[in-house]
Amino acid sequence: KSQGYQVERAVYLIEQSFNIDVVRLN
């Protein structure tokens, strides 16, 4: 995040997806 919003956005908002632990979500 210290590198600026555009870097933060590219990594955590654009690049990130999820493989959800269905037991936890249950």
PDB file of all heavy atoms in Angstrom:
ATOM      1  N   LYS A   1       0.821  -1.215   0.000  1.00  0.00           N
ATOM      2  CA  LYS A   1       0.000   0.000   0.000  1.00  0.00           C
ATOM      3  C   LYS A   1       0.850   1.258   0.000  1.00  0.00           C
ATOM      4  O   LYS A   1       0.440   2.291  -0.546  1.00  0.00           O
ATOM      5  CB  LYS A   1      -0.940  -0.012   1.201  1.00  0.00           C
ATOM      6  CG  LYS A   1      -1.998  -1.106   1.151  1.00  0.00           C
ATOM      7  CD  LYS A   1      -2.937  -1.033   2.353  1.00  0.00           C
ATOM      8  CE  LYS A   1      -3.998  -2.108   2.300  1.00  0.00           C
ATOM      9  NZ  LYS A   1      -4.951  -2.025   3.427  1.00  0.00           N
ATOM     10  N   SER A   2       2.022   1.192   0.604  1.00  0.00           N
ATOM     11  CA  SER A   2       2.893   2.366   0.655  1.00  0.00           C
ATOM     12  C   SER A   2       3.399   2.780  -0.721  1.00  0.00           C
ATOM     13  O   SER A   2       3.893   3.894  -0.896  1.00  0.00           O
ATOM     14  CB  SER A   2       4.082   2.089   1.576  1.00  0.00           C
ATOM     15  OG  SER A   2       4.944   1.107   1.011  1.00  0.00           O
ATOM     16  N   GLN A   3       3.242   1.899  -1.707  1.00  0.00           N
ATOM     17  CA  GLN A   3       3.682   2.211  -3.072  1.00  0.00           C
ATOM     18  C   GLN A   3       2.626   2.983  -3.861  1.00  0.00           C
ATOM     19  O   GLN A   3       2.846   3.321  -5.018  1.00  0.00           O
ATOM     20  CB  GLN A   3       4.036   0.914  -3.798  1.00  0.00           C
ATOM     21  CG  GLN A   3       5.157   0.132  -3.141  1.00  0.00           C
ATOM     22  CD  GLN A   3       5.408  -1.210  -3.831  1.00  0.00           C
ATOM     23  OE1 GLN A   3       5.562  -1.270  -5.062  1.00  0.00           O
ATOM     24  NE2 GLN A   3       5.441  -2.288  -3.066  1.00  0.00           N
ATOM     25  N   GLY A   4       1.461   3.224  -3.231  1.00  0.00           N
ATOM     26  CA  GLY A   4       0.427   4.014  -3.882  1.00  0.00           C
ATOM     27  C   GLY A   4      -0.816   3.198  -4.207  1.00  0.00           C
ATOM     28  O   GLY A   4      -0.763   1.957  -4.296  1.00  0.00           O
ATOM     29  N   TYR A   5      -1.923   3.918  -4.404  1.00  0.00           N
ATOM     30  CA  TYR A   5      -3.202   3.239  -4.582  1.00  0.00           C
ATOM     31  C   TYR A   5      -3.236   2.379  -5.838  1.00  0.00           C
ATOM     32  O   TYR A   5      -3.827   1.292  -5.835  1.00  0.00           O
ATOM     33  CB  TYR A   5      -4.347   4.265  -4.629  1.00  0.00           C
ATOM     34  CG  TYR A   5      -5.677   3.620  -4.951  1.00  0.00           C
ATOM     35  CD1 TYR A   5      -6.319   2.813  -4.014  1.00  0.00           C
ATOM     36  CD2 TYR A   5      -6.267   3.776  -6.200  1.00  0.00           C
ATOM     37  CE1 TYR A   5      -7.520   2.183  -4.305  1.00  0.00           C
ATOM     38  CE2 TYR A   5      -7.471   3.157  -6.509  1.00  0.00           C
ATOM     39  CZ  TYR A   5      -8.091   2.361  -5.555  1.00  0.00           C
ATOM     40  OH  TYR A   5      -9.267   1.740  -5.860  1.00  0.00           O
ATOM     41  N   GLN A   6      -2.618   2.841  -6.912  1.00  0.00           N
ATOM     42  CA  GLN A   6      -2.692   2.079  -8.160  1.00  0.00           C
ATOM     43  C   GLN A   6      -2.016   0.713  -8.019  1.00  0.00           C
ATOM     44  O   GLN A   6      -2.498  -0.292  -8.553  1.00  0.00           O
ATOM     45  CB  GLN A   6      -2.062   2.876  -9.308  1.00  0.00           C
ATOM     46  CG  GLN A   6      -2.855   4.119  -9.700  1.00  0.00           C
ATOM     47  CD  GLN A   6      -4.303   3.806 -10.067  1.00  0.00           C
ATOM     48  OE1 GLN A   6      -4.597   2.782 -10.684  1.00  0.00           O
ATOM     49  NE2 GLN A   6      -5.211   4.693  -9.698  1.00  0.00           N
ATOM     50  N   VAL A   7      -0.905   0.659  -7.284  1.00  0.00           N
ATOM     51  CA  VAL A   7      -0.239  -0.624  -7.042  1.00  0.00           C
ATOM     52  C   VAL A   7      -1.114  -1.494  -6.150  1.00  0.00           C
ATOM     53  O   VAL A   7      -1.313  -2.691  -6.417  1.00  0.00           O
ATOM     54  CB  VAL A   7       1.139  -0.396  -6.387  1.00  0.00           C
ATOM     55  CG1 VAL A   7       1.774  -1.735  -5.999  1.00  0.00           C
ATOM     56  CG2 VAL A   7       2.063   0.378  -7.316  1.00  0.00           C
ATOM     57  N   GLU A   8      -1.649  -0.915  -5.075  1.00  0.00           N
ATOM     58  CA  GLU A   8      -2.543  -1.639  -4.169  1.00  0.00           C
ATOM     59  C   GLU A   8      -3.747  -2.198  -4.926  1.00  0.00           C
ATOM     60  O   GLU A   8      -4.125  -3.360  -4.753  1.00  0.00           O
ATOM     61  CB  GLU A   8      -3.007  -0.698  -3.057  1.00  0.00           C
ATOM     62  CG  GLU A   8      -4.032  -1.296  -2.135  1.00  0.00           C
ATOM     63  CD  GLU A   8      -4.608  -0.260  -1.177  1.00  0.00           C
ATOM     64  OE1 GLU A   8      -4.130   0.891  -1.161  1.00  0.00           O
ATOM     65  OE2 GLU A   8      -5.570  -0.599  -0.463  1.00  0.00           O
ATOM     66  N   ARG A   9      -4.352  -1.362  -5.752  1.00  0.00           N
ATOM     67  CA  ARG A   9      -5.538  -1.782  -6.516  1.00  0.00           C
ATOM     68  C   ARG A   9      -5.198  -2.936  -7.454  1.00  0.00           C
ATOM     69  O   ARG A   9      -5.954  -3.915  -7.557  1.00  0.00           O
ATOM     70  CB  ARG A   9      -6.083  -0.592  -7.295  1.00  0.00           C
ATOM     71  CG  ARG A   9      -7.312  -0.890  -8.142  1.00  0.00           C
ATOM     72  CD  ARG A   9      -7.822   0.376  -8.833  1.00  0.00           C
ATOM     73  NE  ARG A   9      -9.008   0.098  -9.620  1.00  0.00           N
ATOM     74  CZ  ARG A   9      -9.003  -0.331 -10.871  1.00  0.00           C
ATOM     75  NH1 ARG A   9      -7.828  -0.534 -11.500  1.00  0.00           N
ATOM     76  NH2 ARG A   9     -10.125  -0.569 -11.520  1.00  0.00           N
ATOM     77  N   ALA A  10      -4.064  -2.828  -8.161  1.00  0.00           N
ATOM     78  CA  ALA A  10      -3.699  -3.857  -9.139  1.00  0.00           C
ATOM     79  C   ALA A  10      -3.522  -5.218  -8.473  1.00  0.00           C
ATOM     80  O   ALA A  10      -3.908  -6.250  -9.036  1.00  0.00           O
ATOM     81  CB  ALA A  10      -2.413  -3.448  -9.857  1.00  0.00           C
ATOM     82  N   VAL A  11      -2.964  -5.227  -7.260  1.00  0.00           N
ATOM     83  CA  VAL A  11      -2.685  -6.493  -6.585  1.00  0.00           C
ATOM     84  C   VAL A  11      -3.923  -7.054  -5.898  1.00  0.00           C
ATOM     85  O   VAL A  11      -4.336  -8.196  -6.142  1.00  0.00           O
ATOM     86  CB  VAL A  11      -1.541  -6.320  -5.560  1.00  0.00           C
ATOM     87  CG1 VAL A  11      -1.367  -7.603  -4.738  1.00  0.00           C
ATOM     88  CG2 VAL A  11      -0.241  -5.964  -6.271  1.00  0.00           C
ATOM     89  N   TYR A  12      -4.538  -6.254  -5.029  1.00  0.00           N
ATOM     90  CA  TYR A  12      -5.569  -6.790  -4.143  1.00  0.00           C
ATOM     91  C   TYR A  12      -6.992  -6.728  -4.712  1.00  0.00           C
ATOM     92  O   TYR A  12      -7.847  -7.526  -4.325  1.00  0.00           O
ATOM     93  CB  TYR A  12      -5.519  -6.076  -2.795  1.00  0.00           C
ATOM     94  CG  TYR A  12      -4.213  -6.297  -2.074  1.00  0.00           C
ATOM     95  CD1 TYR A  12      -3.313  -5.258  -1.898  1.00  0.00           C
ATOM     96  CD2 TYR A  12      -3.866  -7.551  -1.596  1.00  0.00           C
ATOM     97  CE1 TYR A  12      -2.102  -5.460  -1.252  1.00  0.00           C
ATOM     98  CE2 TYR A  12      -2.656  -7.772  -0.939  1.00  0.00           C
ATOM     99  CZ  TYR A  12      -1.774  -6.716  -0.779  1.00  0.00           C
ATOM    100  OH  TYR A  12      -0.581  -6.922  -0.135  1.00  0.00           O
ATOM    101  N   LEU A  13      -7.247  -5.803  -5.617  1.00  0.00           N
ATOM    102  CA  LEU A  13      -8.584  -5.696  -6.200  1.00  0.00           C
ATOM    103  C   LEU A  13      -8.688  -6.356  -7.567  1.00  0.00           C
ATOM    104  O   LEU A  13      -9.741  -6.907  -7.917  1.00  0.00           O
ATOM    105  CB  LEU A  13      -8.997  -4.226  -6.311  1.00  0.00           C
ATOM    106  CG  LEU A  13      -9.292  -3.515  -4.993  1.00  0.00           C
ATOM    107  CD1 LEU A  13      -9.552  -2.032  -5.232  1.00  0.00           C
ATOM    108  CD2 LEU A  13     -10.488  -4.140  -4.285  1.00  0.00           C
ATOM    109  N   ILE A  14      -7.632  -6.297  -8.356  1.00  0.00           N
ATOM    110  CA  ILE A  14      -7.687  -6.831  -9.715  1.00  0.00           C
ATOM    111  C   ILE A  14      -7.138  -8.254  -9.790  1.00  0.00           C
ATOM    112  O   ILE A  14      -7.754  -9.150 -10.374  1.00  0.00           O
ATOM    113  CB  ILE A  14      -6.907  -5.922 -10.688  1.00  0.00           C
ATOM    114  CG1 ILE A  14      -7.441  -4.481 -10.625  1.00  0.00           C
ATOM    115  CG2 ILE A  14      -6.996  -6.480 -12.112  1.00  0.00           C
ATOM    116  CD1 ILE A  14      -8.898  -4.344 -10.976  1.00  0.00           C
ATOM    117  N   GLU A  15      -5.992  -8.479  -9.179  1.00  0.00           N
ATOM    118  CA  GLU A  15      -5.305  -9.763  -9.349  1.00  0.00           C
ATOM    119  C   GLU A  15      -5.847 -10.863  -8.431  1.00  0.00           C
ATOM    120  O   GLU A  15      -5.744 -12.048  -8.737  1.00  0.00           O
ATOM    121  CB  GLU A  15      -3.809  -9.560  -9.076  1.00  0.00           C
ATOM    122  CG  GLU A  15      -2.935 -10.694  -9.546  1.00  0.00           C
ATOM    123  CD  GLU A  15      -1.456 -10.345  -9.451  1.00  0.00           C
ATOM    124  OE1 GLU A  15      -1.111  -9.258  -8.954  1.00  0.00           O
ATOM    125  OE2 GLU A  15      -0.635 -11.188  -9.871  1.00  0.00           O
ATOM    126  N   GLN A  16      -6.437 -10.495  -7.313  1.00  0.00           N
ATOM    127  CA  GLN A  16      -6.813 -11.462  -6.292  1.00  0.00           C
ATOM    128  C   GLN A  16      -8.144 -12.165  -6.576  1.00  0.00           C
ATOM    129  O   GLN A  16      -9.130 -11.521  -6.928  1.00  0.00           O
ATOM    130  CB  GLN A  16      -6.908 -10.758  -4.927  1.00  0.00           C
ATOM    131  CG  GLN A  16      -7.210 -11.695  -3.773  1.00  0.00           C
ATOM    132  CD  GLN A  16      -7.105 -11.025  -2.410  1.00  0.00           C
ATOM    133  OE1 GLN A  16      -6.850 -11.708  -1.421  1.00  0.00           O
ATOM    134  NE2 GLN A  16      -7.275  -9.721  -2.348  1.00  0.00           N
ATOM    135  N   SER A  17      -8.154 -13.476  -6.430  1.00  0.00           N
ATOM    136  CA  SER A  17      -9.377 -14.288  -6.446  1.00  0.00           C
ATOM    137  C   SER A  17      -9.339 -15.210  -5.241  1.00  0.00           C
ATOM    138  O   SER A  17      -8.369 -15.220  -4.470  1.00  0.00           O
ATOM    139  CB  SER A  17      -9.492 -15.072  -7.753  1.00  0.00           C
ATOM    140  OG  SER A  17      -9.789 -14.192  -8.835  1.00  0.00           O
ATOM    141  N   PHE A  18     -10.403 -16.034  -5.071  1.00  0.00           N
ATOM    142  CA  PHE A  18     -10.543 -16.790  -3.828  1.00  0.00           C
ATOM    143  C   PHE A  18     -10.897 -18.253  -4.072  1.00  0.00           C
ATOM    144  O   PHE A  18     -11.733 -18.570  -4.916  1.00  0.00           O
ATOM    145  CB  PHE A  18     -11.633 -16.162  -2.956  1.00  0.00           C
ATOM    146  CG  PHE A  18     -11.474 -14.674  -2.776  1.00  0.00           C
ATOM    147  CD1 PHE A  18     -12.388 -13.797  -3.347  1.00  0.00           C
ATOM    148  CD2 PHE A  18     -10.406 -14.163  -2.065  1.00  0.00           C
ATOM    149  CE1 PHE A  18     -12.245 -12.436  -3.199  1.00  0.00           C
ATOM    150  CE2 PHE A  18     -10.249 -12.793  -1.908  1.00  0.00           C
ATOM    151  CZ  PHE A  18     -11.168 -11.924  -2.480  1.00  0.00           C
ATOM    152  N   ASN A  19     -10.267 -19.122  -3.293  1.00  0.00           N
ATOM    153  CA  ASN A  19     -10.630 -20.536  -3.224  1.00  0.00           C
ATOM    154  C   ASN A  19     -11.136 -20.762  -1.805  1.00  0.00           C
ATOM    155  O   ASN A  19     -10.364 -21.000  -0.871  1.00  0.00           O
ATOM    156  CB  ASN A  19      -9.406 -21.414  -3.515  1.00  0.00           C
ATOM    157  CG  ASN A  19      -9.799 -22.820  -3.879  1.00  0.00           C
ATOM    158  OD1 ASN A  19     -10.814 -23.321  -3.396  1.00  0.00           O
ATOM    159  ND2 ASN A  19      -8.999 -23.474  -4.710  1.00  0.00           N
ATOM    160  N   ILE A  20     -12.439 -20.645  -1.634  1.00  0.00           N
ATOM    161  CA  ILE A  20     -13.056 -20.569  -0.317  1.00  0.00           C
ATOM    162  C   ILE A  20     -13.032 -21.912   0.405  1.00  0.00           C
ATOM    163  O   ILE A  20     -13.319 -22.957  -0.189  1.00  0.00           O
ATOM    164  CB  ILE A  20     -14.511 -20.067  -0.444  1.00  0.00           C
ATOM    165  CG1 ILE A  20     -14.534 -18.647  -1.027  1.00  0.00           C
ATOM    166  CG2 ILE A  20     -15.217 -20.101   0.909  1.00  0.00           C
ATOM    167  CD1 ILE A  20     -13.850 -17.603  -0.184  1.00  0.00           C
ATOM    168  N   ASP A  21     -12.697 -21.878   1.692  1.00  0.00           N
ATOM    169  CA  ASP A  21     -12.776 -23.045   2.559  1.00  0.00           C
ATOM    170  C   ASP A  21     -14.254 -23.245   2.909  1.00  0.00           C
ATOM    171  O   ASP A  21     -14.816 -22.539   3.745  1.00  0.00           O
ATOM    172  CB  ASP A  21     -11.953 -22.795   3.830  1.00  0.00           C
ATOM    173  CG  ASP A  21     -11.931 -23.992   4.776  1.00  0.00           C
ATOM    174  OD1 ASP A  21     -12.865 -24.815   4.720  1.00  0.00           O
ATOM    175  OD2 ASP A  21     -10.990 -24.076   5.594  1.00  0.00           O
ATOM    176  N   VAL A  22     -14.910 -24.214   2.267  1.00  0.00           N
ATOM    177  CA  VAL A  22     -16.356 -24.363   2.416  1.00  0.00           C
ATOM    178  C   VAL A  22     -16.744 -24.799   3.820  1.00  0.00           C
ATOM    179  O   VAL A  22     -17.873 -24.536   4.272  1.00  0.00           O
ATOM    180  CB  VAL A  22     -16.931 -25.337   1.366  1.00  0.00           C
ATOM    181  CG1 VAL A  22     -16.811 -24.754  -0.033  1.00  0.00           C
ATOM    182  CG2 VAL A  22     -16.262 -26.702   1.454  1.00  0.00           C
ATOM    183  N   VAL A  23     -15.837 -25.438   4.541  1.00  0.00           N
ATOM    184  CA  VAL A  23     -16.138 -25.818   5.924  1.00  0.00           C
ATOM    185  C   VAL A  23     -16.215 -24.573   6.800  1.00  0.00           C
ATOM    186  O   VAL A  23     -17.138 -24.426   7.623  1.00  0.00           O
ATOM    187  CB  VAL A  23     -15.075 -26.807   6.461  1.00  0.00           C
ATOM    188  CG1 VAL A  23     -15.329 -27.101   7.950  1.00  0.00           C
ATOM    189  CG2 VAL A  23     -15.077 -28.102   5.650  1.00  0.00           C
ATOM    190  N   ARG A  24     -15.276 -23.671   6.641  1.00  0.00           N
ATOM    191  CA  ARG A  24     -15.314 -22.408   7.398  1.00  0.00           C
ATOM    192  C   ARG A  24     -16.532 -21.581   7.018  1.00  0.00           C
ATOM    193  O   ARG A  24     -17.219 -21.023   7.882  1.00  0.00           O
ATOM    194  CB  ARG A  24     -14.050 -21.584   7.140  1.00  0.00           C
ATOM    195  CG  ARG A  24     -12.792 -22.078   7.827  1.00  0.00           C
ATOM    196  CD  ARG A  24     -11.642 -21.097   7.612  1.00  0.00           C
ATOM    197  NE  ARG A  24     -11.974 -19.816   8.233  1.00  0.00           N
ATOM    198  CZ  ARG A  24     -11.835 -18.622   7.636  1.00  0.00           C
ATOM    199  NH1 ARG A  24     -11.401 -18.561   6.378  1.00  0.00           N
ATOM    200  NH2 ARG A  24     -12.138 -17.517   8.264  1.00  0.00           N
ATOM    201  N   LEU A  25     -16.798 -21.483   5.704  1.00  0.00           N
ATOM    202  CA  LEU A  25     -17.937 -20.686   5.257  1.00  0.00           C
ATOM    203  C   LEU A  25     -19.252 -21.279   5.748  1.00  0.00           C
ATOM    204  O   LEU A  25     -20.199 -20.549   6.058  1.00  0.00           O
ATOM    205  CB  LEU A  25     -17.941 -20.572   3.728  1.00  0.00           C
ATOM    206  CG  LEU A  25     -19.056 -19.712   3.121  1.00  0.00           C
ATOM    207  CD1 LEU A  25     -18.968 -18.269   3.626  1.00  0.00           C
ATOM    208  CD2 LEU A  25     -19.010 -19.740   1.601  1.00  0.00           C
ATOM    209  N   ASN A  26     -19.304 -22.597   5.854  1.00  0.00           N
ATOM    210  CA  ASN A  26     -20.505 -23.260   6.358  1.00  0.00           C
ATOM    211  C   ASN A  26     -20.866 -22.738   7.746  1.00  0.00           C
ATOM    212  O   ASN A  26     -22.036 -22.443   8.028  1.00  0.00           O
ATOM    213  CB  ASN A  26     -20.270 -24.776   6.401  1.00  0.00           C
ATOM    214  CG  ASN A  26     -21.465 -25.547   6.956  1.00  0.00           C
ATOM    215  OD1 ASN A  26     -21.732 -25.525   8.152  1.00  0.00           O
ATOM    216  ND2 ASN A  26     -22.170 -26.238   6.071  1.00  0.00           N
TER     217      ASN A  26
END
